Amino acid sequence: QVQLVESGGGLVRPGGSLRLSCAASSIFFRVANMAWYRQAPGKERELVAEISVGGSTTYIDSVKGRFTLSRDNAKNTAYLQMYNVKPEDTAVYYCTARGPLSRRPDFWGQGTQVTVSS
């Protein structure tokens, strides 16, 4: 079992920045594709960004140019740097880890709340 612990959420003003961290408890991290999902009240959960073992990243259109996903394999940690945040970024953000043979996340974090409001 792999534990994913998110941190860094909170209240931020529109246009501000925030960095989310996801620390994994196992070296499974080093062979896993890491991703961040989010779910806003009344909306379906959506995949925000994903990073491969090799560091390739994909983003949904609404965050391209504003969010940057990175990973530090030595620390078993993934980071989601959020710039120029908007009220519509308000959601609970979940970190996930997906193994090389899996089509869906194998492990989920507990979630961290991000609220963008003035």
Protein backbone atom coordinates (compact mmCIF):
# COMPACT_ATOMS: atom_id res chain seq x y z
CA GLN A 1 0.00 0.00 0.00
CA VAL A 2 1.26 3.43 -0.94
CA GLN A 3 0.27 6.48 1.03
CA LEU A 4 0.08 9.83 -0.70
CA VAL A 5 0.08 12.87 1.54
CA GLU A 6 -0.89 16.20 0.02
CA SER A 7 -0.05 19.56 1.49
CA GLY A 8 0.01 23.19 0.48
CA GLY A 9 -3.65 23.90 0.00
CA GLY A 10 -5.38 26.93 1.43
CA LEU A 11 -6.96 30.26 0.67
CA VAL A 12 -5.40 32.40 -2.03
CA ARG A 13 -6.52 35.53 -3.80
CA PRO A 14 -7.22 35.62 -7.52
CA GLY A 15 -3.99 36.12 -9.40
CA GLY A 16 -1.96 34.63 -6.59
CA SER A 17 0.20 31.54 -6.44
CA LEU A 18 0.16 28.30 -4.52
CA ARG A 19 2.24 25.14 -4.54
CA LEU A 20 0.78 21.77 -3.72
CA SER A 21 3.02 18.90 -2.68
CA CYS A 22 2.37 15.18 -2.76
CA ALA A 23 4.71 12.97 -0.78
CA ALA A 24 4.64 9.23 -1.42
CA SER A 25 5.50 6.68 1.23
CA SER A 26 7.09 4.22 -1.14
CA ILE A 27 9.62 4.02 -3.93
CA PHE A 28 6.67 2.89 -6.05
CA PHE A 29 6.61 6.61 -6.76
CA ARG A 30 9.66 6.20 -8.99
CA VAL A 31 7.84 3.93 -11.44
CA ALA A 32 4.48 5.66 -11.22
CA ASN A 33 2.80 8.26 -13.33
CA MET A 34 1.74 10.98 -10.93
CA ALA A 35 -1.30 13.15 -11.41
CA TRP A 36 -3.49 15.74 -9.79
CA TYR A 37 -7.26 15.61 -9.99
CA ARG A 38 -9.67 18.16 -8.64
CA GLN A 39 -13.32 18.26 -7.75
CA ALA A 40 -15.29 21.42 -7.27
CA PRO A 41 -18.63 21.50 -5.44
CA GLY A 42 -21.38 20.20 -7.66
CA LYS A 43 -18.98 19.24 -10.43
CA GLU A 44 -17.41 16.04 -11.61
CA ARG A 45 -13.87 15.21 -10.74
CA GLU A 46 -11.41 16.09 -13.48
CA LEU A 47 -7.83 15.28 -14.28
CA VAL A 48 -5.82 18.48 -14.05
CA ALA A 49 -2.30 17.38 -14.90
CA GLU A 50 -0.17 14.28 -15.16
CA ILE A 51 3.55 13.63 -15.23
CA SER A 52 5.22 10.48 -16.48
CA VAL A 53 8.18 8.73 -14.94
CA GLY A 54 10.36 10.44 -17.49
CA GLY A 55 8.95 13.86 -16.73
CA SER A 56 6.58 14.38 -19.65
CA THR A 57 3.55 16.41 -18.65
CA THR A 58 0.00 16.93 -19.85
CA TYR A 59 -2.49 19.53 -18.68
CA ILE A 60 -6.11 20.34 -19.21
CA ASP A 61 -6.61 23.42 -21.33
CA SER A 62 -7.94 25.58 -18.52
CA VAL A 63 -4.65 25.42 -16.59
CA LYS A 64 -2.12 25.41 -19.42
CA GLY A 65 0.38 28.19 -18.96
CA ARG A 66 -0.64 28.67 -15.33
CA PHE A 67 0.09 25.34 -13.61
CA THR A 68 3.34 23.41 -13.64
CA LEU A 69 3.61 19.82 -12.51
CA SER A 70 7.01 18.46 -11.54
CA ARG A 71 8.48 15.56 -9.62
CA ASP A 72 11.53 14.89 -7.48
CA ASN A 73 12.23 11.17 -7.56
CA ALA A 74 14.90 11.45 -4.88
CA LYS A 75 12.27 12.78 -2.47
CA ASN A 76 9.34 10.70 -3.77
CA THR A 77 7.43 13.95 -4.11
CA ALA A 78 5.38 15.60 -6.82
CA TYR A 79 4.61 19.30 -6.95
CA LEU A 80 1.84 21.28 -8.57
CA GLN A 81 2.84 24.90 -8.86
CA MET A 82 -0.19 27.09 -9.48
CA TYR A 83 0.21 30.60 -10.83
CA ASN A 84 -2.38 33.27 -11.61
CA VAL A 85 -5.08 31.26 -9.90
CA LYS A 86 -8.72 31.96 -10.66
CA PRO A 87 -11.92 31.46 -8.66
CA GLU A 88 -12.76 28.54 -10.92
CA ASP A 89 -9.66 26.75 -9.64
CA THR A 90 -11.40 26.37 -6.30
CA ALA A 91 -11.70 22.66 -5.57
CA VAL A 92 -10.39 19.78 -3.54
CA TYR A 93 -7.19 18.63 -5.19
CA TYR A 94 -6.19 14.98 -5.09
CA CYS A 95 -2.81 13.47 -5.83
CA THR A 96 -2.73 10.06 -7.50
CA ALA A 97 -0.18 7.45 -8.45
CA ARG A 98 -0.69 5.13 -11.41
CA GLY A 99 1.56 2.14 -12.00
CA PRO A 100 3.07 1.40 -15.40
CA LEU A 101 0.50 -1.32 -16.17
CA SER A 102 -2.52 0.51 -14.83
CA ARG A 103 -5.02 2.57 -16.79
CA ARG A 104 -6.43 4.23 -13.71
CA PRO A 105 -4.85 5.55 -10.54
CA ASP A 106 -3.80 2.86 -8.12
CA PHE A 107 -3.54 5.15 -5.12
CA TRP A 108 -5.17 8.39 -4.04
CA GLY A 109 -4.30 10.99 -1.48
CA GLN A 110 -6.80 12.35 0.99
CA GLY A 111 -7.19 15.64 -0.85
CA THR A 112 -6.34 19.22 -0.05
CA GLN A 113 -8.69 22.17 -0.35
CA VAL A 114 -7.76 25.10 -2.57
CA THR A 115 -9.98 28.14 -2.33
CA VAL A 116 -9.48 31.13 -4.60
CA SER A 117 -11.33 34.15 -3.32
CA SER A 118 -10.81 37.81 -2.63
